[in-house]
Amino acid sequence: MSVMSHIIELQKKHDELSLKVEKAQQSLGLDDFEVVMMKKQKLRLKEKISRLSP
């Protein structure tokens, strides 16, 4: 897998998590802890993307 394709995959995962976080924040039944964990995962993905990007 090339670096560029890896970055694209990471961006897709980041976008998917963004949607999940958005939906979770609108939902009343979801635990805040889960939202925080998703946000942390999103941040880790963004950091990986930044490190790999030229």
C-alpha atoms as a PDB file:
ATOM      1  CA  MET A   1       0.000   0.000   0.000  1.00  0.00           C
ATOM      2  CA  SER A   2       1.425   3.348  -0.973  1.00  0.00           C
ATOM      3  CA  VAL A   3       1.595   6.207   1.476  1.00  0.00           C
ATOM      4  CA  MET A   4      -1.023   8.156  -0.471  1.00  0.00           C
ATOM      5  CA  SER A   5      -3.509   5.287  -0.450  1.00  0.00           C
ATOM      6  CA  HIS A   6      -2.890   4.831   3.263  1.00  0.00           C
ATOM      7  CA  ILE A   7      -3.639   8.531   3.838  1.00  0.00           C
ATOM      8  CA  ILE A   8      -6.848   8.201   1.823  1.00  0.00           C
ATOM      9  CA  GLU A   9      -7.950   5.228   3.938  1.00  0.00           C
ATOM     10  CA  LEU A  10      -7.200   7.134   7.139  1.00  0.00           C
ATOM     11  CA  GLN A  11      -9.211  10.098   5.849  1.00  0.00           C
ATOM     12  CA  LYS A  12     -12.158   7.823   5.094  1.00  0.00           C
ATOM     13  CA  LYS A  13     -12.036   6.424   8.629  1.00  0.00           C
ATOM     14  CA  HIS A  14     -11.806   9.958  10.014  1.00  0.00           C
ATOM     15  CA  ASP A  15     -14.842  11.054   7.983  1.00  0.00           C
ATOM     16  CA  GLU A  16     -16.839   8.014   9.115  1.00  0.00           C
ATOM     17  CA  LEU A  17     -16.005   8.761  12.734  1.00  0.00           C
ATOM     18  CA  SER A  18     -17.031  12.389  12.242  1.00  0.00           C
ATOM     19  CA  LEU A  19     -20.464  11.249  11.127  1.00  0.00           C
ATOM     20  CA  LYS A  20     -20.754   8.816  14.035  1.00  0.00           C
ATOM     21  CA  VAL A  21     -19.789  11.518  16.529  1.00  0.00           C
ATOM     22  CA  GLU A  22     -22.268  13.935  15.008  1.00  0.00           C
ATOM     23  CA  LYS A  23     -25.084  11.383  15.203  1.00  0.00           C
ATOM     24  CA  ALA A  24     -24.085  10.358  18.724  1.00  0.00           C
ATOM     25  CA  GLN A  25     -24.182  13.934  19.948  1.00  0.00           C
ATOM     26  CA  GLN A  26     -27.705  14.315  18.575  1.00  0.00           C
ATOM     27  CA  SER A  27     -28.817  11.088  20.233  1.00  0.00           C
ATOM     28  CA  LEU A  28     -29.996  11.365  23.804  1.00  0.00           C
ATOM     29  CA  GLY A  29     -29.304   7.755  24.734  1.00  0.00           C
ATOM     30  CA  LEU A  30     -25.595   7.595  23.995  1.00  0.00           C
ATOM     31  CA  ASP A  31     -23.068   7.781  26.798  1.00  0.00           C
ATOM     32  CA  ASP A  32     -20.765  10.826  26.800  1.00  0.00           C
ATOM     33  CA  PHE A  33     -17.826   8.493  27.405  1.00  0.00           C
ATOM     34  CA  GLU A  34     -18.394   6.828  24.032  1.00  0.00           C
ATOM     35  CA  VAL A  35     -18.456  10.206  22.292  1.00  0.00           C
ATOM     36  CA  VAL A  36     -15.210  11.218  23.992  1.00  0.00           C
ATOM     37  CA  MET A  37     -13.563   7.951  22.935  1.00  0.00           C
ATOM     38  CA  MET A  38     -14.650   8.452  19.320  1.00  0.00           C
ATOM     39  CA  LYS A  39     -13.301  12.012  19.376  1.00  0.00           C
ATOM     40  CA  LYS A  40      -9.953  10.783  20.703  1.00  0.00           C
ATOM     41  CA  GLN A  41      -9.818   8.151  17.973  1.00  0.00           C
ATOM     42  CA  LYS A  42     -10.588  10.848  15.405  1.00  0.00           C
ATOM     43  CA  LEU A  43      -7.749  12.968  16.753  1.00  0.00           C
ATOM     44  CA  ARG A  44      -5.302  10.049  16.546  1.00  0.00           C
ATOM     45  CA  LEU A  45      -6.304   9.477  12.926  1.00  0.00           C
ATOM     46  CA  LYS A  46      -5.850  13.154  12.121  1.00  0.00           C
ATOM     47  CA  GLU A  47      -2.394  13.109  13.728  1.00  0.00           C
ATOM     48  CA  LYS A  48      -1.401  10.068  11.642  1.00  0.00           C
ATOM     49  CA  ILE A  49      -2.653  11.785   8.493  1.00  0.00           C
ATOM     50  CA  SER A  50      -0.619  14.904   9.347  1.00  0.00           C
ATOM     51  CA  ARG A  51       2.537  12.881   9.929  1.00  0.00           C
ATOM     52  CA  LEU A  52       2.159  11.005   6.642  1.00  0.00           C
ATOM     53  CA  SER A  53       1.157  13.964   4.482  1.00  0.00           C
ATOM     54  CA  PRO A  54       3.875  15.564   2.377  1.00  0.00           C
END
